[in-house]
Amino acid sequence: MLSNIMMVRSMREELTQGGFKELLTPADVDAFMADKTGTALLFINSVCGCAAGNARPGALMALQHSQRPDRLVTVFAGQDVDATARARSYISPIPPSSPSIALFKDGNLVYFMPRQNIEGRDANAVASDLQAAFAEHCAMSSV
């Protein structure tokens, strides 16, 4: 059990150390989604090694782009069950997918990358797709 906790902690920290804020409760998700200004990236994290192992570094690499989302958040599927369910309610009717990445602009879903667009691809390919979405929907960043 302890090894699972340590494994999940490192998967959480990979994103939080990269600037993502964890949303741990449905109230956290609702408060985040209530701010409809600008762009926001929601990363639905998971323990799936085949997809999440490339999705996390791909998302972090994409953030090196000159155009990037204003706000970054994450929920963890299978760990923070209620928060993940609430986050998924904001991307309905898209079926649940873990990992997955959603981009919102002014409160509207403008881009979604489901697991099937991550699985079998490397982090560079994931980053490239996200950077294209950022270029289309996000303002220039000073980062």
Protein backbone atom coordinates (compact mmCIF):
# COMPACT_ATOMS: atom_id res chain seq x y z
CA MET A 1 0.00 0.00 0.00
CA LEU A 2 2.80 2.42 0.89
CA SER A 3 4.47 1.86 -2.50
CA ASN A 4 1.18 2.81 -4.23
CA ILE A 5 0.99 6.03 -2.19
CA MET A 6 4.58 6.87 -3.12
CA MET A 7 3.96 6.08 -6.79
CA VAL A 8 0.86 8.28 -6.93
CA ARG A 9 2.65 11.07 -5.04
CA SER A 10 5.36 11.24 -7.69
CA MET A 11 2.70 11.34 -10.43
CA ARG A 12 0.94 14.20 -8.65
CA GLU A 13 4.18 16.08 -8.02
CA GLU A 14 5.27 15.81 -11.64
CA LEU A 15 2.41 18.17 -12.51
CA THR A 16 2.30 20.33 -9.36
CA GLN A 17 6.02 21.04 -9.62
CA GLY A 18 5.33 22.10 -13.20
CA GLY A 19 2.80 24.71 -12.07
CA PHE A 20 -0.48 22.78 -11.97
CA LYS A 21 -2.78 23.29 -8.99
CA GLU A 22 -4.50 20.18 -7.65
CA LEU A 23 -8.26 20.26 -7.32
CA LEU A 24 -9.07 17.75 -4.60
CA THR A 25 -12.79 18.26 -4.01
CA PRO A 26 -15.89 19.04 -6.08
CA ALA A 27 -15.96 22.48 -4.40
CA ASP A 28 -12.39 23.10 -5.62
CA VAL A 29 -13.46 22.21 -9.16
CA ASP A 30 -16.56 24.41 -9.03
CA ALA A 31 -14.59 27.36 -7.67
CA PHE A 32 -12.00 26.97 -10.42
CA MET A 33 -14.61 26.65 -13.17
CA ALA A 34 -16.54 29.67 -11.85
CA ASP A 35 -13.72 31.89 -13.16
CA LYS A 36 -14.51 31.99 -16.85
CA THR A 37 -11.88 34.52 -17.88
CA GLY A 38 -8.98 33.60 -20.11
CA THR A 39 -7.76 30.09 -20.79
CA ALA A 40 -7.50 27.13 -18.47
CA LEU A 41 -5.95 23.69 -18.90
CA LEU A 42 -7.50 20.79 -16.99
CA PHE A 43 -5.33 17.67 -16.83
CA ILE A 44 -7.12 14.51 -15.71
CA ASN A 45 -4.22 12.53 -14.31
CA SER A 46 -4.10 8.74 -13.91
CA VAL A 47 -1.76 5.93 -12.98
CA CYS A 48 -1.88 4.41 -16.47
CA GLY A 49 1.78 4.01 -17.33
CA CYS A 50 1.26 3.60 -21.07
CA ALA A 51 -0.62 6.87 -21.58
CA ALA A 52 -0.12 9.03 -18.49
CA GLY A 53 3.61 8.39 -18.56
CA ASN A 54 3.75 10.38 -21.81
CA ALA A 55 0.85 12.74 -21.15
CA ARG A 56 2.38 14.38 -18.08
CA PRO A 57 5.76 15.19 -19.65
CA GLY A 58 4.02 16.11 -22.92
CA ALA A 59 1.82 18.65 -21.15
CA LEU A 60 4.81 20.10 -19.32
CA MET A 61 6.81 20.36 -22.55
CA ALA A 62 3.87 22.08 -24.26
CA LEU A 63 3.88 24.76 -21.56
CA GLN A 64 7.28 25.92 -22.83
CA HIS A 65 5.41 27.36 -25.84
CA SER A 66 5.11 31.15 -26.05
CA GLN A 67 1.33 30.79 -26.10
CA ARG A 68 0.01 28.87 -23.12
CA PRO A 69 -3.04 28.69 -20.85
CA ASP A 70 -3.48 31.28 -18.11
CA ARG A 71 -4.36 28.69 -15.47
CA LEU A 72 -3.34 25.07 -14.96
CA VAL A 73 -5.19 22.52 -12.84
CA THR A 74 -5.31 18.78 -12.35
CA VAL A 75 -7.56 16.15 -10.83
CA PHE A 76 -6.48 12.55 -10.28
CA ALA A 77 -8.78 9.84 -11.62
CA GLY A 78 -9.10 6.87 -9.30
CA GLN A 79 -7.69 8.87 -6.40
CA ASP A 80 -9.78 12.02 -6.03
CA VAL A 81 -12.95 10.36 -7.29
CA ASP A 82 -15.48 13.08 -6.44
CA ALA A 83 -13.31 15.91 -7.79
CA THR A 84 -12.68 13.97 -10.99
CA ALA A 85 -16.39 13.28 -11.47
CA ARG A 86 -17.15 16.97 -11.03
CA ALA A 87 -14.39 17.97 -13.46
CA ARG A 88 -15.74 15.52 -16.02
CA SER A 89 -19.18 17.09 -15.66
CA TYR A 90 -17.73 20.26 -17.22
CA ILE A 91 -16.65 18.36 -20.33
CA SER A 92 -19.84 16.34 -20.74
CA PRO A 93 -21.06 14.74 -23.01
CA ILE A 94 -17.50 13.61 -23.80
CA PRO A 95 -17.09 10.15 -22.24
CA PRO A 96 -14.69 9.73 -19.30
CA SER A 97 -11.09 9.24 -20.36
CA SER A 98 -7.98 9.00 -18.20
CA PRO A 99 -5.57 10.53 -18.74
CA SER A 100 -7.04 13.35 -20.74
CA ILE A 101 -6.48 17.06 -21.22
CA ALA A 102 -9.12 19.75 -21.65
CA LEU A 103 -8.56 23.35 -22.70
CA PHE A 104 -11.19 25.97 -21.81
CA LYS A 105 -11.43 29.51 -23.12
CA ASP A 106 -13.72 31.96 -21.33
CA GLY A 107 -15.39 28.98 -19.65
CA ASN A 108 -16.03 27.06 -22.88
CA LEU A 109 -14.38 23.79 -23.81
CA VAL A 110 -12.36 24.49 -26.97
CA TYR A 111 -10.03 21.48 -27.15
CA PHE A 112 -9.99 17.98 -25.70
CA MET A 113 -7.31 15.30 -25.91
CA PRO A 114 -8.69 11.90 -24.85
CA ARG A 115 -6.63 8.91 -23.83
CA GLN A 116 -6.82 7.38 -27.31
CA ASN A 117 -4.98 10.44 -28.69
CA ILE A 118 -2.25 9.97 -26.08
CA GLU A 119 -1.78 6.21 -25.86
CA GLY A 120 0.98 4.86 -28.07
CA ARG A 121 2.43 8.32 -28.72
CA ASP A 122 5.50 9.87 -27.16
CA ALA A 123 5.63 13.03 -25.06
CA ASN A 124 6.86 15.11 -28.01
CA ALA A 125 3.78 14.20 -30.08
CA VAL A 126 1.47 15.04 -27.16
CA ALA A 127 3.29 18.35 -26.67
CA SER A 128 3.03 19.17 -30.37
CA ASP A 129 -0.75 18.67 -30.39
CA LEU A 130 -1.17 20.76 -27.25
CA GLN A 131 1.05 23.53 -28.61
CA ALA A 132 -1.13 23.71 -31.72
CA ALA A 133 -4.21 24.10 -29.50
CA PHE A 134 -2.43 26.74 -27.41
CA ALA A 135 -1.43 28.64 -30.57
CA GLU A 136 -5.06 28.69 -31.66
CA HIS A 137 -6.69 29.56 -28.32
CA CYS A 138 -4.18 31.12 -25.90
CA ALA A 139 -2.61 34.57 -25.69
CA MET A 140 1.15 35.16 -25.79
CA SER A 141 2.87 34.55 -22.47
CA SER A 142 5.88 36.25 -20.99
CA VAL A 143 7.20 32.84 -19.86
